[in-house]
């Protein structure tokens, strides 16, 4: 488990995966060639193949690292909550937002290029995405029972919330008008509203 779920240090990518990430983000998966990645990584094409057997393997590595880190942080955030449905929800959503601020390129590639994966590889990452959304829908459903939420469809709400948070990676740039704390506060409020949070107060992390 991560030591601090609200902090993101260095990414988990080796030089080849980092080069692939830059290329996929700039040119798209289908617009990127193995030679482009090799050049960006400072390797020959055979040297790149020594580390990663195909372009699919590179995409799998980039997206897999992102999904693994996201799940680790959101699970740690959930475990660190006060245990109430509202507390679980707030922590998980805060971690989700922070991830998309800290890992903009990885989140962007994961959301836009999953369609480019081979079916068996895509299924693994879809399962990770579904596990993430299940944490959100579970907190909302439990919140309905506890009188903390009033949401007719927790699953649909979780899907909408996930899409909203993913969209942050499309527009956020460091040094912009809103700093990360402002974005967490605003988007947590939006997500609470989507989930039907009662007594919605868009306070961010304590």
Protein backbone atom coordinates (compact mmCIF):
# COMPACT_ATOMS: atom_id res chain seq x y z
CA UNK A 1 0.00 0.00 0.00
CA UNK A 2 1.21 3.52 -0.77
CA UNK A 3 2.56 5.55 2.13
CA UNK A 4 0.50 8.65 1.30
CA UNK A 5 -2.40 8.27 -1.08
CA UNK A 6 -2.61 12.01 -1.79
CA UNK A 7 0.97 12.30 -3.04
CA UNK A 8 2.35 11.09 -6.37
CA UNK A 9 6.10 10.80 -6.83
CA UNK A 10 8.02 9.62 -9.87
CA UNK A 11 6.04 7.57 -12.36
CA UNK A 12 6.68 3.85 -12.73
CA UNK A 13 7.80 3.94 -16.32
CA UNK A 14 11.16 2.84 -17.65
CA UNK A 15 12.82 4.92 -20.37
CA UNK A 16 11.13 2.98 -23.17
CA UNK A 17 7.65 3.31 -21.68
CA UNK A 18 8.18 6.99 -20.96
CA UNK A 19 9.20 7.54 -24.57
CA UNK A 20 6.16 5.57 -25.74
CA UNK A 21 3.93 7.67 -23.50
CA UNK A 22 5.27 10.90 -25.01
CA UNK A 23 4.77 9.57 -28.53
CA UNK A 24 1.27 8.19 -27.91
CA UNK A 25 0.19 11.44 -26.26
CA UNK A 26 1.55 13.55 -29.11
CA UNK A 27 0.72 11.40 -32.14
CA UNK A 28 -1.79 8.78 -31.00
CA UNK A 29 -1.18 5.05 -30.92
CA UNK A 30 -1.74 4.52 -34.64
CA UNK A 31 0.34 7.57 -35.53
CA UNK A 32 3.31 6.27 -33.56
CA UNK A 33 5.86 3.89 -35.01
CA UNK A 34 8.29 1.66 -33.16
CA UNK A 35 11.14 3.67 -34.67
CA UNK A 36 9.67 6.89 -33.25
CA UNK A 37 9.62 5.36 -29.78
CA UNK A 38 13.12 3.95 -30.17
CA UNK A 39 14.47 7.33 -31.27
CA UNK A 40 12.74 9.09 -28.36
CA UNK A 41 14.20 6.55 -25.93
CA UNK A 42 17.68 6.81 -27.42
CA UNK A 43 17.64 3.17 -28.48
CA UNK A 44 17.94 1.21 -31.69
CA UNK A 45 14.82 -0.64 -32.81
CA UNK A 46 16.37 -4.02 -31.83
CA UNK A 47 17.33 -2.47 -28.49
CA UNK A 48 13.75 -1.40 -27.89
CA UNK A 49 12.48 -4.87 -28.81
CA UNK A 50 14.86 -6.29 -26.20
CA UNK A 51 12.77 -4.55 -23.53
CA UNK A 52 9.30 -4.59 -25.11
CA UNK A 53 8.27 -7.09 -27.75
CA UNK A 54 5.75 -4.93 -29.63
CA UNK A 55 3.93 -1.62 -29.81
CA UNK A 56 1.00 -3.34 -28.09
CA UNK A 57 3.32 -4.29 -25.26
CA UNK A 58 4.34 -0.65 -24.89
CA UNK A 59 0.71 0.49 -24.75
CA UNK A 60 -0.10 -2.25 -22.26
CA UNK A 61 2.83 -1.16 -20.11
CA UNK A 62 1.86 2.51 -20.13
CA UNK A 63 -1.81 1.89 -19.35
CA UNK A 64 -1.08 -0.93 -16.91
CA UNK A 65 1.22 1.25 -14.83
CA UNK A 66 -1.41 3.98 -14.73
CA UNK A 67 -4.26 1.69 -13.70
CA UNK A 68 -2.16 -0.06 -11.08
CA UNK A 69 -1.12 3.22 -9.50
CA UNK A 70 -4.65 4.61 -9.61
CA UNK A 71 -6.11 1.56 -7.88
CA UNK A 72 -3.39 1.56 -5.23
CA UNK A 73 -4.02 5.21 -4.37
CA UNK A 74 -7.81 5.02 -4.36
CA UNK A 75 -7.83 1.83 -2.29
CA UNK A 76 -5.45 3.43 0.19
CA UNK A 77 -7.66 6.52 0.28
CA UNK A 78 -10.74 4.40 0.96
CA UNK A 79 -8.96 2.54 3.76
CA UNK A 80 -7.82 5.86 5.26
CA UNK A 81 -11.34 7.28 5.44
CA UNK A 82 -13.50 7.51 8.56
CA UNK A 83 -15.40 4.45 7.34
CA UNK A 84 -18.67 6.21 6.59
CA UNK A 85 -20.00 6.05 3.03
CA UNK A 86 -19.58 9.81 2.68
CA UNK A 87 -16.03 9.63 3.99
CA UNK A 88 -15.14 6.76 1.66
CA UNK A 89 -16.64 8.62 -1.28
CA UNK A 90 -14.78 11.85 -0.55
CA UNK A 91 -11.42 10.13 -0.17
CA UNK A 92 -11.78 7.96 -3.27
CA UNK A 93 -12.90 10.90 -5.40
CA UNK A 94 -10.13 13.12 -4.06
CA UNK A 95 -7.54 10.45 -4.95
CA UNK A 96 -9.12 10.05 -8.39
CA UNK A 97 -8.91 13.78 -9.06
CA UNK A 98 -5.34 14.03 -7.78
CA UNK A 99 -4.29 11.15 -10.01
CA UNK A 100 -5.62 12.87 -13.11
CA UNK A 101 -3.78 16.04 -12.13
CA UNK A 102 -0.48 14.27 -11.44
CA UNK A 103 -0.58 11.77 -14.30
CA UNK A 104 -2.18 13.81 -17.06
CA UNK A 105 -0.46 12.13 -19.99
CA UNK A 106 -0.92 8.59 -18.70
CA UNK A 107 -4.57 9.24 -17.90
CA UNK A 108 -5.13 10.78 -21.33
CA UNK A 109 -3.54 7.86 -23.16
CA UNK A 110 -5.37 5.32 -20.99
CA UNK A 111 -8.73 6.91 -21.71
CA UNK A 112 -8.24 7.51 -25.44
CA UNK A 113 -6.19 4.51 -26.55
CA UNK A 114 -7.83 1.62 -24.72
CA UNK A 115 -9.79 1.12 -27.94
CA UNK A 116 -6.48 0.46 -29.72
CA UNK A 117 -5.63 -2.53 -27.53
CA UNK A 118 -5.98 -6.15 -28.51
CA UNK A 119 -9.20 -7.54 -26.98
CA UNK A 120 -7.54 -9.74 -24.36
CA UNK A 121 -5.30 -6.90 -23.18
CA UNK A 122 -8.14 -4.40 -23.16
CA UNK A 123 -10.25 -6.76 -21.02
CA UNK A 124 -7.66 -6.63 -18.24
CA UNK A 125 -7.68 -2.84 -18.13
CA UNK A 126 -11.46 -2.63 -18.43
CA UNK A 127 -11.65 -4.86 -15.34
CA UNK A 128 -9.39 -2.41 -13.48
CA UNK A 129 -11.56 0.50 -14.59
CA UNK A 130 -14.66 -1.35 -13.44
CA UNK A 131 -13.06 -2.03 -10.04
CA UNK A 132 -12.40 1.69 -9.67
CA UNK A 133 -15.98 2.58 -10.53
CA UNK A 134 -17.25 -0.12 -8.16
CA UNK A 135 -15.58 1.64 -5.23
CA UNK A 136 -17.54 4.76 -6.10
CA UNK A 137 -20.89 3.05 -6.69
CA UNK A 138 -20.51 1.02 -3.50
CA UNK A 139 -19.94 4.15 -1.42
CA UNK A 140 -22.99 5.79 -3.01
CA UNK A 141 -25.21 2.72 -2.51
CA UNK A 142 -24.13 2.41 1.12
CA UNK A 143 -24.72 6.14 1.47
CA UNK A 144 -28.28 5.70 0.24
CA UNK A 145 -28.85 3.17 3.02
CA UNK A 146 -27.21 5.43 5.60
CA UNK A 147 -29.17 8.50 4.57
CA UNK A 148 -26.05 10.32 3.35
CA UNK A 149 -26.92 10.15 -0.34
CA UNK A 150 -30.10 10.18 -2.39
CA UNK A 151 -29.12 8.62 -5.70
CA UNK A 152 -31.50 6.53 -7.84
CA UNK A 153 -28.70 4.77 -9.76
CA UNK A 154 -25.31 4.49 -8.03
CA UNK A 155 -23.79 2.60 -10.97
CA UNK A 156 -24.75 5.27 -13.50
CA UNK A 157 -23.64 8.02 -11.12
CA UNK A 158 -20.27 6.31 -10.64
CA UNK A 159 -19.81 6.10 -14.40
CA UNK A 160 -20.61 9.80 -14.83
CA UNK A 161 -18.29 10.75 -11.97
CA UNK A 162 -15.47 8.70 -13.41
CA UNK A 163 -15.89 10.36 -16.82
CA UNK A 164 -15.90 13.80 -15.21
CA UNK A 165 -12.66 13.14 -13.35
CA UNK A 166 -11.00 11.61 -16.41
CA UNK A 167 -11.81 14.79 -18.36
CA UNK A 168 -9.47 16.78 -16.10
CA UNK A 169 -6.50 15.27 -17.93
CA UNK A 170 -7.76 16.80 -21.18
CA UNK A 171 -7.58 20.42 -20.07
CA UNK A 172 -5.49 20.82 -16.92
CA UNK A 173 -2.08 22.42 -17.28
CA UNK A 174 0.20 23.27 -14.34
CA UNK A 175 0.43 27.00 -13.74
CA UNK A 176 -3.09 27.67 -14.95
CA UNK A 177 -5.81 29.75 -13.32
CA UNK A 178 -6.79 26.99 -10.89
CA UNK A 179 -4.29 25.28 -8.63
CA UNK A 180 -4.70 21.60 -7.68
CA UNK A 181 -6.44 22.36 -4.37
CA UNK A 182 -8.98 24.56 -6.17
CA UNK A 183 -9.67 21.81 -8.69
CA UNK A 184 -10.06 19.16 -5.99
CA UNK A 185 -12.52 21.38 -4.12
CA UNK A 186 -14.59 22.23 -7.19
CA UNK A 187 -14.68 18.76 -8.69
CA UNK A 188 -15.39 17.07 -5.38
CA UNK A 189 -18.41 19.35 -5.13
CA UNK A 190 -19.52 18.41 -8.65
CA UNK A 191 -19.12 14.71 -7.88
CA UNK A 192 -21.05 14.99 -4.63
CA UNK A 193 -23.89 16.66 -6.52
CA UNK A 194 -23.96 13.92 -9.17
CA UNK A 195 -24.08 11.30 -6.42
CA UNK A 196 -26.95 13.02 -4.63
CA UNK A 197 -24.93 13.82 -1.54
CA UNK A 198 -27.19 15.31 1.12
CA UNK A 199 -25.92 18.47 2.83
CA UNK A 200 -23.37 18.82 0.03
CA UNK A 201 -20.44 20.94 1.18
CA UNK A 202 -17.66 21.10 -1.42
CA UNK A 203 -14.83 21.20 1.10
CA UNK A 204 -11.67 19.49 -0.08
CA UNK A 205 -9.22 17.50 1.95
CA UNK A 206 -9.07 18.27 5.64
